[in-house]
């Protein structure tokens, strides 16, 4: 079976170009993610990996659509190879059944990882410039009822409730909860 995988990083991005390519490739089953490629924790990606079986072919528009770092890319291709599933990247035109193809896959995977790191670096630089100009203040801190927070922390510290229960009561995730505990000296 010809299985297509399409990924866009954000909801506002359009996957039409990738979908057209999948149509041209006559894919029989299509999996679409609207998520970052920074890791493999993507719903449709996981579904696709569970779906494919020996003799199938996974088709992507480019390597960067399936993975943004070399380690993930090589791991994905290795898992597909173990399942006897062929991997095809249209942009790079790579055949993973040959040693040369696997080498080229590694090179292109490293380039995709470098591209992601460059994007993040430019983003950090842009934020720093905006902060210096007073245009970027970061995310607004979550407001919590201080009395409720202190009460939940007190009951957590005395063992009345768990930390997880305290977090749920005040509506905070672990990192934010513990940061607030530290800031308030609780």
C-alpha atoms as a PDB file:
ATOM      1  CA  UNK A   1       0.000   0.000   0.000  1.00  0.00           C
ATOM      2  CA  UNK A   2       1.175   3.523  -0.777  1.00  0.00           C
ATOM      3  CA  UNK A   3       0.950   5.480   2.481  1.00  0.00           C
ATOM      4  CA  UNK A   4       1.365   9.251   2.535  1.00  0.00           C
ATOM      5  CA  UNK A   5       2.480  11.348   5.481  1.00  0.00           C
ATOM      6  CA  UNK A   6       1.906  15.123   5.490  1.00  0.00           C
ATOM      7  CA  UNK A   7       2.984  17.525   8.241  1.00  0.00           C
ATOM      8  CA  UNK A   8       2.669  21.267   8.746  1.00  0.00           C
ATOM      9  CA  UNK A   9       4.132  22.916  11.834  1.00  0.00           C
ATOM     10  CA  UNK A  10       1.189  25.168  12.631  1.00  0.00           C
ATOM     11  CA  UNK A  11      -2.571  25.314  12.234  1.00  0.00           C
ATOM     12  CA  UNK A  12      -2.322  28.397   9.990  1.00  0.00           C
ATOM     13  CA  UNK A  13       0.082  26.699   7.576  1.00  0.00           C
ATOM     14  CA  UNK A  14      -1.398  25.165   4.444  1.00  0.00           C
ATOM     15  CA  UNK A  15      -0.680  21.575   3.479  1.00  0.00           C
ATOM     16  CA  UNK A  16      -2.246  21.907  -0.022  1.00  0.00           C
ATOM     17  CA  UNK A  17       1.110  21.568  -1.831  1.00  0.00           C
ATOM     18  CA  UNK A  18       1.923  18.356   0.035  1.00  0.00           C
ATOM     19  CA  UNK A  19      -1.585  16.981  -0.513  1.00  0.00           C
ATOM     20  CA  UNK A  20      -1.286  17.627  -4.265  1.00  0.00           C
ATOM     21  CA  UNK A  21       1.990  15.670  -4.312  1.00  0.00           C
ATOM     22  CA  UNK A  22       0.329  12.775  -2.448  1.00  0.00           C
ATOM     23  CA  UNK A  23      -2.509  12.767  -4.985  1.00  0.00           C
ATOM     24  CA  UNK A  24       0.040  12.660  -7.827  1.00  0.00           C
ATOM     25  CA  UNK A  25       1.744   9.727  -6.095  1.00  0.00           C
ATOM     26  CA  UNK A  26      -1.618   7.929  -5.871  1.00  0.00           C
ATOM     27  CA  UNK A  27      -1.359   7.315  -2.133  1.00  0.00           C
ATOM     28  CA  UNK A  28      -4.040   4.967  -0.839  1.00  0.00           C
ATOM     29  CA  UNK A  29      -3.901   6.006   2.825  1.00  0.00           C
ATOM     30  CA  UNK A  30      -3.000   9.462   4.119  1.00  0.00           C
ATOM     31  CA  UNK A  31      -1.909  10.636   7.568  1.00  0.00           C
ATOM     32  CA  UNK A  32      -1.824  14.388   8.330  1.00  0.00           C
ATOM     33  CA  UNK A  33      -0.271  16.146  11.337  1.00  0.00           C
ATOM     34  CA  UNK A  34      -0.433  19.820  12.278  1.00  0.00           C
ATOM     35  CA  UNK A  35       2.460  19.723  14.734  1.00  0.00           C
ATOM     36  CA  UNK A  36       6.130  20.521  15.074  1.00  0.00           C
ATOM     37  CA  UNK A  37       8.598  17.986  13.739  1.00  0.00           C
ATOM     38  CA  UNK A  38      10.950  18.546  16.679  1.00  0.00           C
ATOM     39  CA  UNK A  39      10.149  15.038  17.952  1.00  0.00           C
ATOM     40  CA  UNK A  40       8.018  12.025  17.049  1.00  0.00           C
ATOM     41  CA  UNK A  41       5.259  12.745  19.561  1.00  0.00           C
ATOM     42  CA  UNK A  42       2.642  13.368  16.864  1.00  0.00           C
ATOM     43  CA  UNK A  43      -0.770  11.695  16.702  1.00  0.00           C
ATOM     44  CA  UNK A  44      -1.017  10.945  12.970  1.00  0.00           C
ATOM     45  CA  UNK A  45       2.667   9.973  12.807  1.00  0.00           C
ATOM     46  CA  UNK A  46       2.189   7.368  15.543  1.00  0.00           C
ATOM     47  CA  UNK A  47      -0.959   6.090  13.824  1.00  0.00           C
ATOM     48  CA  UNK A  48       0.941   5.768  10.533  1.00  0.00           C
ATOM     49  CA  UNK A  49       3.835   3.895  12.162  1.00  0.00           C
ATOM     50  CA  UNK A  50       1.336   1.484  13.737  1.00  0.00           C
ATOM     51  CA  UNK A  51      -0.565   1.084  10.468  1.00  0.00           C
ATOM     52  CA  UNK A  52       2.231   0.257   7.994  1.00  0.00           C
ATOM     53  CA  UNK A  53       3.200  -3.342   7.344  1.00  0.00           C
ATOM     54  CA  UNK A  54       5.587  -5.357   5.167  1.00  0.00           C
ATOM     55  CA  UNK A  55       5.405  -4.364   1.513  1.00  0.00           C
ATOM     56  CA  UNK A  56       3.998  -0.862   2.163  1.00  0.00           C
ATOM     57  CA  UNK A  57       5.674   2.337   1.034  1.00  0.00           C
ATOM     58  CA  UNK A  58       5.715   5.534   3.134  1.00  0.00           C
ATOM     59  CA  UNK A  59       5.854   8.641   0.953  1.00  0.00           C
ATOM     60  CA  UNK A  60       6.732  12.122   2.240  1.00  0.00           C
ATOM     61  CA  UNK A  61       7.216  15.426   0.401  1.00  0.00           C
ATOM     62  CA  UNK A  62      10.625  15.888   2.038  1.00  0.00           C
ATOM     63  CA  UNK A  63      12.664  14.471   4.895  1.00  0.00           C
ATOM     64  CA  UNK A  64      11.914  17.529   7.024  1.00  0.00           C
ATOM     65  CA  UNK A  65       8.219  16.603   7.017  1.00  0.00           C
ATOM     66  CA  UNK A  66       8.831  13.340   8.900  1.00  0.00           C
ATOM     67  CA  UNK A  67      11.747  14.387  11.167  1.00  0.00           C
ATOM     68  CA  UNK A  68      13.701  17.491  12.085  1.00  0.00           C
ATOM     69  CA  UNK A  69      16.700  15.776  13.630  1.00  0.00           C
ATOM     70  CA  UNK A  70      19.026  13.118  12.322  1.00  0.00           C
ATOM     71  CA  UNK A  71      18.577  10.749  15.263  1.00  0.00           C
ATOM     72  CA  UNK A  72      14.771  10.634  14.837  1.00  0.00           C
ATOM     73  CA  UNK A  73      15.047  10.304  11.064  1.00  0.00           C
ATOM     74  CA  UNK A  74      17.452   7.370  11.235  1.00  0.00           C
ATOM     75  CA  UNK A  75      15.371   5.722  13.954  1.00  0.00           C
ATOM     76  CA  UNK A  76      12.180   6.084  11.883  1.00  0.00           C
ATOM     77  CA  UNK A  77      13.810   4.695   8.744  1.00  0.00           C
ATOM     78  CA  UNK A  78      15.337   1.845  10.762  1.00  0.00           C
ATOM     79  CA  UNK A  79      11.917   0.959  12.207  1.00  0.00           C
ATOM     80  CA  UNK A  80      10.347   1.074   8.738  1.00  0.00           C
ATOM     81  CA  UNK A  81      13.159  -1.097   7.348  1.00  0.00           C
ATOM     82  CA  UNK A  82      12.631  -3.674  10.121  1.00  0.00           C
ATOM     83  CA  UNK A  83       8.945  -3.781   9.136  1.00  0.00           C
ATOM     84  CA  UNK A  84      10.024  -4.187   5.471  1.00  0.00           C
ATOM     85  CA  UNK A  85       8.413  -0.850   4.604  1.00  0.00           C
ATOM     86  CA  UNK A  86      10.024   1.286   1.907  1.00  0.00           C
ATOM     87  CA  UNK A  87      10.611   4.989   2.607  1.00  0.00           C
ATOM     88  CA  UNK A  88      10.398   7.558  -0.202  1.00  0.00           C
ATOM     89  CA  UNK A  89      11.198  11.249   0.081  1.00  0.00           C
ATOM     90  CA  UNK A  90      10.071  12.999  -3.093  1.00  0.00           C
ATOM     91  CA  UNK A  91      12.148  16.181  -2.770  1.00  0.00           C
ATOM     92  CA  UNK A  92      15.450  14.442  -2.054  1.00  0.00           C
ATOM     93  CA  UNK A  93      14.679  11.426  -4.310  1.00  0.00           C
ATOM     94  CA  UNK A  94      16.247   8.928  -1.902  1.00  0.00           C
ATOM     95  CA  UNK A  95      16.168   5.120  -2.156  1.00  0.00           C
ATOM     96  CA  UNK A  96      16.763   3.709   1.342  1.00  0.00           C
ATOM     97  CA  UNK A  97      17.354   0.192   0.044  1.00  0.00           C
ATOM     98  CA  UNK A  98      20.971   0.987  -0.967  1.00  0.00           C
ATOM     99  CA  UNK A  99      24.015   1.944   1.162  1.00  0.00           C
ATOM    100  CA  UNK A 100      24.384   5.141  -0.875  1.00  0.00           C
ATOM    101  CA  UNK A 101      20.717   5.988  -0.290  1.00  0.00           C
ATOM    102  CA  UNK A 102      21.061   5.472   3.473  1.00  0.00           C
ATOM    103  CA  UNK A 103      24.189   7.668   3.472  1.00  0.00           C
ATOM    104  CA  UNK A 104      22.368  10.429   1.595  1.00  0.00           C
ATOM    105  CA  UNK A 105      19.461  10.086   4.017  1.00  0.00           C
ATOM    106  CA  UNK A 106      21.864  10.747   6.899  1.00  0.00           C
ATOM    107  CA  UNK A 107      23.302  13.816   5.154  1.00  0.00           C
ATOM    108  CA  UNK A 108      19.868  15.259   4.355  1.00  0.00           C
ATOM    109  CA  UNK A 109      18.679  14.446   7.882  1.00  0.00           C
ATOM    110  CA  UNK A 110      21.596  16.411   9.311  1.00  0.00           C
ATOM    111  CA  UNK A 111      20.696  19.330   7.023  1.00  0.00           C
ATOM    112  CA  UNK A 112      17.059  19.234   8.234  1.00  0.00           C
ATOM    113  CA  UNK A 113      18.310  19.292  11.834  1.00  0.00           C
ATOM    114  CA  UNK A 114      20.608  22.234  11.042  1.00  0.00           C
ATOM    115  CA  UNK A 115      17.679  24.082   9.442  1.00  0.00           C
ATOM    116  CA  UNK A 116      15.563  23.615  12.595  1.00  0.00           C
ATOM    117  CA  UNK A 117      18.417  24.830  14.820  1.00  0.00           C
ATOM    118  CA  UNK A 118      18.869  27.896  12.573  1.00  0.00           C
ATOM    119  CA  UNK A 119      15.141  28.672  12.788  1.00  0.00           C
ATOM    120  CA  UNK A 120      15.266  28.482  16.602  1.00  0.00           C
ATOM    121  CA  UNK A 121      18.388  30.670  16.719  1.00  0.00           C
ATOM    122  CA  UNK A 122      16.776  33.321  14.512  1.00  0.00           C
ATOM    123  CA  UNK A 123      13.684  33.190  16.707  1.00  0.00           C
ATOM    124  CA  UNK A 124      15.777  33.700  19.880  1.00  0.00           C
ATOM    125  CA  UNK A 125      17.639  36.597  18.234  1.00  0.00           C
ATOM    126  CA  UNK A 126      14.366  38.209  17.137  1.00  0.00           C
ATOM    127  CA  UNK A 127      12.898  37.904  20.629  1.00  0.00           C
ATOM    128  CA  UNK A 128      16.043  39.421  22.171  1.00  0.00           C
ATOM    129  CA  UNK A 129      15.885  42.387  19.782  1.00  0.00           C
ATOM    130  CA  UNK A 130      12.158  42.867  20.472  1.00  0.00           C
ATOM    131  CA  UNK A 131      12.787  42.697  24.249  1.00  0.00           C
ATOM    132  CA  UNK A 132      15.544  45.312  23.983  1.00  0.00           C
ATOM    133  CA  UNK A 133      13.133  47.558  22.070  1.00  0.00           C
ATOM    134  CA  UNK A 134      10.434  46.990  24.715  1.00  0.00           C
ATOM    135  CA  UNK A 135       8.134  45.325  22.196  1.00  0.00           C
ATOM    136  CA  UNK A 136       8.229  41.809  23.609  1.00  0.00           C
ATOM    137  CA  UNK A 137       7.278  41.112  27.167  1.00  0.00           C
ATOM    138  CA  UNK A 138       6.836  37.354  26.925  1.00  0.00           C
ATOM    139  CA  UNK A 139       3.754  35.465  27.916  1.00  0.00           C
ATOM    140  CA  UNK A 140       1.544  37.008  30.594  1.00  0.00           C
ATOM    141  CA  UNK A 141       1.957  35.183  33.900  1.00  0.00           C
ATOM    142  CA  UNK A 142      -0.998  33.022  34.895  1.00  0.00           C
ATOM    143  CA  UNK A 143      -3.058  34.617  37.617  1.00  0.00           C
ATOM    144  CA  UNK A 144      -3.774  32.451  40.633  1.00  0.00           C
ATOM    145  CA  UNK A 145      -5.691  33.146  43.801  1.00  0.00           C
ATOM    146  CA  UNK A 146      -2.843  33.553  46.319  1.00  0.00           C
ATOM    147  CA  UNK A 147      -4.939  32.456  49.315  1.00  0.00           C
ATOM    148  CA  UNK A 148      -6.090  29.343  47.462  1.00  0.00           C
ATOM    149  CA  UNK A 149      -2.517  28.656  46.304  1.00  0.00           C
ATOM    150  CA  UNK A 150      -1.103  29.021  49.840  1.00  0.00           C
ATOM    151  CA  UNK A 151      -3.846  26.774  51.247  1.00  0.00           C
ATOM    152  CA  UNK A 152      -3.203  24.067  48.642  1.00  0.00           C
ATOM    153  CA  UNK A 153       0.571  24.279  49.283  1.00  0.00           C
ATOM    154  CA  UNK A 154       0.058  24.025  53.051  1.00  0.00           C
ATOM    155  CA  UNK A 155      -2.104  20.904  52.676  1.00  0.00           C
ATOM    156  CA  UNK A 156       0.430  19.444  50.223  1.00  0.00           C
ATOM    157  CA  UNK A 157       3.366  20.115  52.566  1.00  0.00           C
ATOM    158  CA  UNK A 158       1.523  18.488  55.508  1.00  0.00           C
ATOM    159  CA  UNK A 159       0.766  15.407  53.387  1.00  0.00           C
ATOM    160  CA  UNK A 160      -2.993  16.004  53.333  1.00  0.00           C
ATOM    161  CA  UNK A 161      -2.981  16.025  49.514  1.00  0.00           C
ATOM    162  CA  UNK A 162      -0.491  15.125  46.806  1.00  0.00           C
ATOM    163  CA  UNK A 163       1.419  17.687  44.763  1.00  0.00           C
ATOM    164  CA  UNK A 164      -0.631  16.612  41.733  1.00  0.00           C
ATOM    165  CA  UNK A 165      -3.873  17.287  43.612  1.00  0.00           C
ATOM    166  CA  UNK A 166      -2.567  20.712  44.679  1.00  0.00           C
ATOM    167  CA  UNK A 167      -1.669  21.523  41.061  1.00  0.00           C
ATOM    168  CA  UNK A 168      -5.128  20.518  39.893  1.00  0.00           C
ATOM    169  CA  UNK A 169      -6.780  22.664  42.578  1.00  0.00           C
ATOM    170  CA  UNK A 170      -4.943  25.801  41.501  1.00  0.00           C
ATOM    171  CA  UNK A 171      -4.924  24.946  37.778  1.00  0.00           C
ATOM    172  CA  UNK A 172      -1.171  24.956  37.197  1.00  0.00           C
ATOM    173  CA  UNK A 173       1.164  22.583  35.399  1.00  0.00           C
ATOM    174  CA  UNK A 174       4.138  21.145  37.345  1.00  0.00           C
ATOM    175  CA  UNK A 175       6.849  23.597  36.177  1.00  0.00           C
ATOM    176  CA  UNK A 176       4.686  26.641  36.897  1.00  0.00           C
ATOM    177  CA  UNK A 177       3.473  25.227  40.202  1.00  0.00           C
ATOM    178  CA  UNK A 178       6.965  24.524  41.549  1.00  0.00           C
ATOM    179  CA  UNK A 179       8.271  27.867  40.250  1.00  0.00           C
ATOM    180  CA  UNK A 180       5.468  29.659  42.136  1.00  0.00           C
ATOM    181  CA  UNK A 181       6.183  27.625  45.277  1.00  0.00           C
ATOM    182  CA  UNK A 182       9.817  28.754  45.083  1.00  0.00           C
ATOM    183  CA  UNK A 183       8.907  32.385  44.313  1.00  0.00           C
ATOM    184  CA  UNK A 184       6.504  32.543  47.268  1.00  0.00           C
ATOM    185  CA  UNK A 185       8.886  30.720  49.585  1.00  0.00           C
ATOM    186  CA  UNK A 186       6.389  27.994  50.340  1.00  0.00           C
END
